[in-house]
C-alpha atoms as a PDB file:
ATOM      1  CA  MET A   1     -41.131 -92.282  53.238  1.00  0.00           C
ATOM      2  CA  SER A   2     -38.633 -88.984  53.475  1.00  0.00           C
ATOM      3  CA  LEU A   3     -38.858 -85.808  54.708  1.00  0.00           C
ATOM      4  CA  THR A   4     -39.162 -82.615  52.646  1.00  0.00           C
ATOM      5  CA  ILE A   5     -36.635 -79.863  53.649  1.00  0.00           C
ATOM      6  CA  GLU A   6     -36.861 -75.965  51.914  1.00  0.00           C
ATOM      7  CA  TRP A   7     -33.231 -75.224  51.498  1.00  0.00           C
ATOM      8  CA  PRO A   8     -33.021 -71.382  51.077  1.00  0.00           C
ATOM      9  CA  GLY A   9     -31.651 -70.144  48.150  1.00  0.00           C
ATOM     10  CA  GLN A  10     -31.181 -66.672  46.829  1.00  0.00           C
ATOM     11  CA  PHE A  11     -33.159 -64.125  45.887  1.00  0.00           C
ATOM     12  CA  GLY A  12     -36.170 -64.996  49.032  1.00  0.00           C
ATOM     13  CA  ARG A  13     -36.784 -68.471  47.188  1.00  0.00           C
ATOM     14  CA  THR A  14     -36.850 -72.178  48.979  1.00  0.00           C
ATOM     15  CA  HIS A  15     -35.964 -75.098  47.087  1.00  0.00           C
ATOM     16  CA  ALA A  16     -37.462 -78.553  48.386  1.00  0.00           C
ATOM     17  CA  PHE A  17     -35.039 -81.735  48.702  1.00  0.00           C
ATOM     18  CA  GLU A  18     -36.041 -85.159  50.042  1.00  0.00           C
ATOM     19  CA  LEU A  19     -33.745 -86.173  53.156  1.00  0.00           C
ATOM     20  CA  TYR A  20     -32.462 -89.793  53.794  1.00  0.00           C
ATOM     21  CA  PRO A  21     -30.612 -91.250  55.484  1.00  0.00           C
ATOM     22  CA  ILE A  22     -26.640 -91.757  54.355  1.00  0.00           C
ATOM     23  CA  GLY A  23     -26.185 -94.881  52.778  1.00  0.00           C
ATOM     24  CA  THR A  24     -29.573 -94.673  50.989  1.00  0.00           C
ATOM     25  CA  THR A  25     -29.938 -96.404  47.636  1.00  0.00           C
ATOM     26  CA  PHE A  26     -31.470 -93.839  45.069  1.00  0.00           C
ATOM     27  CA  ASN A  27     -32.568 -94.510  41.229  1.00  0.00           C
ATOM     28  CA  GLU A  28     -29.826 -93.636  38.321  1.00  0.00           C
ATOM     29  CA  VAL A  29     -30.863 -90.426  37.748  1.00  0.00           C
ATOM     30  CA  GLY A  30     -29.363 -86.966  37.871  1.00  0.00           C
ATOM     31  CA  GLY A  31     -29.599 -84.294  40.977  1.00  0.00           C
ATOM     32  CA  VAL A  32     -28.562 -82.159  43.118  1.00  0.00           C
ATOM     33  CA  TYR A  33     -27.545 -83.227  46.952  1.00  0.00           C
ATOM     34  CA  ILE A  34     -26.812 -81.708  49.988  1.00  0.00           C
ATOM     35  CA  PHE A  35     -24.788 -83.564  52.536  1.00  0.00           C
ATOM     36  CA  CYS A  36     -26.176 -82.654  56.186  1.00  0.00           C
ATOM     37  CA  LYS A  37     -26.183 -82.556  60.002  1.00  0.00           C
ATOM     38  CA  PRO A  38     -29.093 -81.996  62.609  1.00  0.00           C
ATOM     39  CA  TYR A  39     -28.363 -78.835  64.095  1.00  0.00           C
ATOM     40  CA  PRO A  40     -29.255 -77.083  66.811  1.00  0.00           C
ATOM     41  CA  GLY A  41     -31.630 -73.863  67.136  1.00  0.00           C
ATOM     42  CA  ARG A  42     -31.958 -74.636  62.748  1.00  0.00           C
ATOM     43  CA  GLN A  43     -33.578 -77.856  61.211  1.00  0.00           C
ATOM     44  CA  TRP A  44     -30.337 -79.579  59.728  1.00  0.00           C
ATOM     45  CA  GLN A  45     -27.126 -77.437  58.255  1.00  0.00           C
ATOM     46  CA  ALA A  46     -25.424 -77.824  55.373  1.00  0.00           C
ATOM     47  CA  LEU A  47     -22.129 -79.063  54.974  1.00  0.00           C
ATOM     48  CA  TYR A  48     -21.532 -79.640  51.366  1.00  0.00           C
ATOM     49  CA  VAL A  49     -23.511 -78.785  48.075  1.00  0.00           C
ATOM     50  CA  GLY A  50     -23.142 -80.835  45.158  1.00  0.00           C
ATOM     51  CA  GLU A  51     -24.927 -81.753  41.851  1.00  0.00           C
ATOM     52  CA  THR A  52     -24.381 -85.237  39.405  1.00  0.00           C
ATOM     53  CA  GLY A  53     -25.921 -87.600  36.297  1.00  0.00           C
ATOM     54  CA  ASN A  54     -26.260 -89.812  38.879  1.00  0.00           C
ATOM     55  CA  LEU A  55     -27.137 -89.299  42.461  1.00  0.00           C
ATOM     56  CA  ASN A  56     -27.366 -93.792  43.180  1.00  0.00           C
ATOM     57  CA  GLU A  57     -23.291 -93.821  41.960  1.00  0.00           C
ATOM     58  CA  ARG A  58     -22.487 -89.882  43.231  1.00  0.00           C
ATOM     59  CA  LEU A  59     -24.026 -90.992  47.402  1.00  0.00           C
ATOM     60  CA  ASN A  60     -23.656 -94.196  47.145  1.00  0.00           C
ATOM     61  CA  THR A  61     -21.419 -96.721  45.118  1.00  0.00           C
ATOM     62  CA  ALA A  62     -18.946 -94.667  44.948  1.00  0.00           C
ATOM     63  CA  LEU A  63     -19.712 -92.249  48.224  1.00  0.00           C
ATOM     64  CA  GLN A  64     -16.402 -93.414  49.770  1.00  0.00           C
ATOM     65  CA  ARG A  65     -14.123 -92.059  46.254  1.00  0.00           C
ATOM     66  CA  HIS A  66     -16.318 -88.268  46.658  1.00  0.00           C
ATOM     67  CA  GLN A  67     -13.753 -86.174  47.268  1.00  0.00           C
ATOM     68  CA  ALA A  68     -15.496 -83.940  50.302  1.00  0.00           C
ATOM     69  CA  TRP A  69     -16.658 -86.944  52.110  1.00  0.00           C
ATOM     70  CA  PRO A  70     -13.237 -86.921  54.419  1.00  0.00           C
ATOM     71  CA  SER A  71     -14.678 -83.836  55.682  1.00  0.00           C
ATOM     72  CA  CYS A  72     -18.573 -84.252  55.947  1.00  0.00           C
ATOM     73  CA  GLN A  73     -17.936 -87.340  57.742  1.00  0.00           C
ATOM     74  CA  SER A  74     -15.264 -85.861  60.197  1.00  0.00           C
ATOM     75  CA  GLY A  75     -18.409 -82.231  59.889  1.00  0.00           C
ATOM     76  CA  GLY A  76     -21.085 -85.285  61.399  1.00  0.00           C
ATOM     77  CA  ALA A  77     -22.682 -85.612  57.958  1.00  0.00           C
ATOM     78  CA  THR A  78     -26.097 -88.097  59.164  1.00  0.00           C
ATOM     79  CA  HIS A  79     -28.055 -87.322  55.874  1.00  0.00           C
ATOM     80  CA  ILE A  80     -28.617 -86.577  52.368  1.00  0.00           C
ATOM     81  CA  CYS A  81     -30.652 -83.948  50.967  1.00  0.00           C
ATOM     82  CA  ALA A  82     -31.541 -84.789  46.546  1.00  0.00           C
ATOM     83  CA  LYS A  83     -33.582 -82.980  44.691  1.00  0.00           C
ATOM     84  CA  VAL A  84     -34.200 -85.265  41.060  1.00  0.00           C
ATOM     85  CA  ILE A  85     -32.778 -82.846  38.059  1.00  0.00           C
ATOM     86  CA  GLY A  86     -33.437 -84.503  34.980  1.00  0.00           C
ATOM     87  CA  SER A  87     -30.139 -85.679  32.077  1.00  0.00           C
ATOM     88  CA  GLY A  88     -28.673 -84.051  28.973  1.00  0.00           C
ATOM     89  CA  VAL A  89     -27.740 -80.501  29.090  1.00  0.00           C
ATOM     90  CA  SER A  90     -30.640 -78.629  29.704  1.00  0.00           C
ATOM     91  CA  GLY A  91     -30.537 -80.782  33.172  1.00  0.00           C
ATOM     92  CA  ARG A  92     -27.257 -80.542  33.517  1.00  0.00           C
ATOM     93  CA  MET A  93     -27.216 -76.942  33.211  1.00  0.00           C
ATOM     94  CA  GLU A  94     -30.610 -76.598  35.829  1.00  0.00           C
ATOM     95  CA  ARG A  95     -28.609 -78.846  38.101  1.00  0.00           C
ATOM     96  CA  LEU A  96     -24.926 -76.348  38.434  1.00  0.00           C
ATOM     97  CA  ALA A  97     -26.757 -73.322  38.066  1.00  0.00           C
ATOM     98  CA  LEU A  98     -28.766 -74.334  41.412  1.00  0.00           C
ATOM     99  CA  GLU A  99     -25.579 -75.919  42.991  1.00  0.00           C
ATOM    100  CA  THR A 100     -23.766 -72.674  42.554  1.00  0.00           C
ATOM    101  CA  GLU A 101     -27.084 -70.597  44.180  1.00  0.00           C
ATOM    102  CA  LEU A 102     -27.075 -73.401  47.137  1.00  0.00           C
ATOM    103  CA  ARG A 103     -23.368 -72.774  47.625  1.00  0.00           C
ATOM    104  CA  HIS A 104     -23.719 -69.130  47.785  1.00  0.00           C
ATOM    105  CA  SER A 105     -26.625 -69.034  50.428  1.00  0.00           C
ATOM    106  CA  LEU A 106     -25.578 -72.171  52.492  1.00  0.00           C
ATOM    107  CA  ASN A 107     -22.140 -71.198  52.527  1.00  0.00           C
ATOM    108  CA  PRO A 108     -21.240 -75.214  53.373  1.00  0.00           C
ATOM    109  CA  PRO A 109     -17.358 -76.099  55.612  1.00  0.00           C
ATOM    110  CA  CYS A 110     -17.144 -78.905  52.914  1.00  0.00           C
ATOM    111  CA  ASN A 111     -17.157 -76.810  49.885  1.00  0.00           C
ATOM    112  CA  ARG A 112     -14.719 -74.398  50.858  1.00  0.00           C
ATOM    113  CA  GLN A 113     -11.550 -74.647  49.187  1.00  0.00           C
ATOM    114  CA  ALA A 114      -8.260 -75.139  50.387  1.00  0.00           C
ATOM    115  CA  ALA A 115      -5.886 -72.425  49.625  1.00  0.00           C
END
């Protein structure tokens, strides 16, 4: 059984995600995910926010090829928060909108692009 973490979005909204240790096998479904770690004074610190059409491929079988994985690893990532969001065009649009909202509200360090 996983723990539910509420991440603050924009405009006073919060978004519930399930918390899993890195290395968890996921179903092959679309979703938004957050690499995170425990943080003193707060429950969790978001290191990276992303979206995918296949959580298991992105976060398990292809994790070593993830462009942000090296910086998340060196930043101390221990867990993944995941929220399943459907497939198809509408699911992809919903995932992209939530990913963008959370990147802006959480400002995760591993999402920052090098100049």
